[in-house]
Amino acid sequence: MSELRVNRLGEQIKKEITFVLATKIKNHDLGFITITEVKLTGDYSQAKVYYTVLGDEKEKEKTRMSLAKVKGFIKSEVAKKVKVRKFPELIFEYDDTSEYAMRIESLIASVSKGEN
């Protein structure tokens, strides 16, 4: 499978998941969730869906549990829009890259202040 096709399909799945979360799911435990990326395996058997949540650790855990409950519904809704022979298994994973970047920035800032 071409990498371009895999990436394009991942973007389409991301767009549809975002739409389903915004319009069709009324679960208030999801919080303020953002889908940041979808990575597909080369054989389309799995799609890792990376997300971020605004809030503390308790909010993140509530969102993780809520996503686990509605994963089947999300998959069925997205599969109606995205036409592939066998729709991939969705695996939701928290995306901590923004938190990591903020931590690195604060470390750099503290080192810079120490040198002045």
Protein backbone atom coordinates (compact mmCIF):
# COMPACT_ATOMS: atom_id res chain seq x y z
CA MET A 1 0.00 0.00 0.00
CA SER A 2 1.32 3.42 -0.81
CA GLU A 3 2.20 5.67 2.09
CA LEU A 4 0.28 8.53 0.50
CA ARG A 5 -2.91 6.45 0.41
CA VAL A 6 -2.43 5.36 4.04
CA ASN A 7 -1.94 8.99 5.12
CA ARG A 8 -4.93 10.20 3.11
CA LEU A 9 -7.15 7.51 4.59
CA GLY A 10 -5.90 8.39 8.08
CA GLU A 11 -6.83 12.04 7.53
CA GLN A 12 -10.28 11.06 6.28
CA ILE A 13 -10.86 8.85 9.33
CA LYS A 14 -9.66 11.68 11.59
CA LYS A 15 -12.11 14.12 9.99
CA GLU A 16 -15.03 11.70 10.34
CA ILE A 17 -14.21 10.81 13.97
CA THR A 18 -14.08 14.52 14.80
CA PHE A 19 -17.47 15.00 13.13
CA VAL A 20 -19.04 12.07 15.00
CA LEU A 21 -17.67 13.28 18.35
CA ALA A 22 -18.96 16.80 17.74
CA THR A 23 -22.42 15.95 16.42
CA LYS A 24 -23.57 12.45 17.32
CA ILE A 25 -22.24 11.71 20.79
CA LYS A 26 -24.01 13.22 23.77
CA ASN A 27 -21.67 11.82 26.43
CA HIS A 28 -20.73 14.70 28.72
CA ASP A 29 -17.84 12.72 30.24
CA LEU A 30 -15.85 13.14 27.02
CA GLY A 31 -14.91 16.69 27.96
CA PHE A 32 -13.19 18.99 25.52
CA ILE A 33 -11.51 16.44 23.24
CA THR A 34 -9.43 17.06 20.14
CA ILE A 35 -8.35 14.37 17.70
CA THR A 36 -4.76 15.21 16.79
CA GLU A 37 -3.76 12.37 14.49
CA VAL A 38 -4.76 8.97 13.11
CA LYS A 39 -2.01 6.52 12.19
CA LEU A 40 -2.95 3.46 10.17
CA THR A 41 -0.99 0.27 9.91
CA GLY A 42 0.09 -0.65 6.38
CA ASP A 43 -2.51 -3.41 6.16
CA TYR A 44 -5.31 -1.16 7.50
CA SER A 45 -6.02 -3.55 10.37
CA GLN A 46 -5.54 -0.94 13.11
CA ALA A 47 -5.91 2.81 13.39
CA LYS A 48 -4.29 4.53 16.36
CA VAL A 49 -6.37 7.60 17.15
CA TYR A 50 -4.41 10.18 19.12
CA TYR A 51 -6.36 12.72 21.15
CA THR A 52 -5.87 15.48 23.69
CA VAL A 53 -8.18 16.66 26.44
CA LEU A 54 -8.38 19.95 28.24
CA GLY A 55 -8.22 19.37 31.97
CA ASP A 56 -6.46 17.53 34.74
CA GLU A 57 -5.68 13.83 35.19
CA LYS A 58 -9.24 13.15 36.38
CA GLU A 59 -10.65 14.65 33.14
CA LYS A 60 -8.23 12.60 31.06
CA GLU A 61 -9.30 9.39 32.79
CA LYS A 62 -13.01 10.18 32.38
CA THR A 63 -12.43 10.82 28.69
CA ARG A 64 -10.45 7.60 28.28
CA MET A 65 -13.24 5.58 29.91
CA SER A 66 -15.91 7.33 27.83
CA LEU A 67 -14.03 6.69 24.59
CA ALA A 68 -13.78 3.01 25.48
CA LYS A 69 -17.58 2.91 25.91
CA VAL A 70 -18.42 4.65 22.62
CA LYS A 71 -15.63 3.17 20.48
CA GLY A 72 -17.96 0.71 18.74
CA PHE A 73 -20.48 3.41 17.89
CA ILE A 74 -17.75 5.70 16.56
CA LYS A 75 -16.36 2.87 14.43
CA SER A 76 -19.76 2.02 12.94
CA GLU A 77 -20.57 5.67 12.18
CA VAL A 78 -17.20 6.37 10.57
CA ALA A 79 -17.32 3.10 8.61
CA LYS A 80 -20.55 4.30 6.95
CA LYS A 81 -18.68 7.29 5.51
CA VAL A 82 -15.22 5.84 4.85
CA LYS A 83 -15.42 3.08 2.29
CA VAL A 84 -12.78 0.41 2.79
CA ARG A 85 -13.10 -3.34 2.47
CA LYS A 86 -12.51 -3.97 6.19
CA PHE A 87 -12.62 -1.01 8.54
CA PRO A 88 -9.65 -0.90 10.95
CA GLU A 89 -9.87 -1.46 14.68
CA LEU A 90 -9.78 1.90 16.47
CA ILE A 91 -7.24 2.26 19.26
CA PHE A 92 -7.53 5.51 21.21
CA GLU A 93 -4.31 6.81 22.78
CA TYR A 94 -3.73 10.00 24.69
CA ASP A 95 -1.38 12.37 22.83
CA ASP A 96 1.01 13.92 25.32
CA THR A 97 3.23 15.73 22.81
CA SER A 98 1.86 19.17 23.70
CA GLU A 99 2.48 18.57 27.41
CA TYR A 100 5.98 17.33 26.61
CA ALA A 101 6.67 20.42 24.47
CA MET A 102 5.46 22.74 27.24
CA ARG A 103 7.71 20.96 29.73
CA ILE A 104 10.73 21.30 27.43
CA GLU A 105 9.94 25.00 26.92
CA SER A 106 9.75 25.61 30.66
CA LEU A 107 13.07 23.80 31.18
CA ILE A 108 14.71 25.89 28.48
CA ALA A 109 13.25 29.07 29.96
CA SER A 110 14.51 28.17 33.45
CA VAL A 111 17.99 27.43 32.10
CA SER A 112 17.97 30.73 30.15
CA LYS A 113 16.98 32.69 33.27
CA GLY A 114 19.74 31.00 35.24
CA GLU A 115 22.39 32.13 32.73
CA ASN A 116 21.39 35.82 32.88
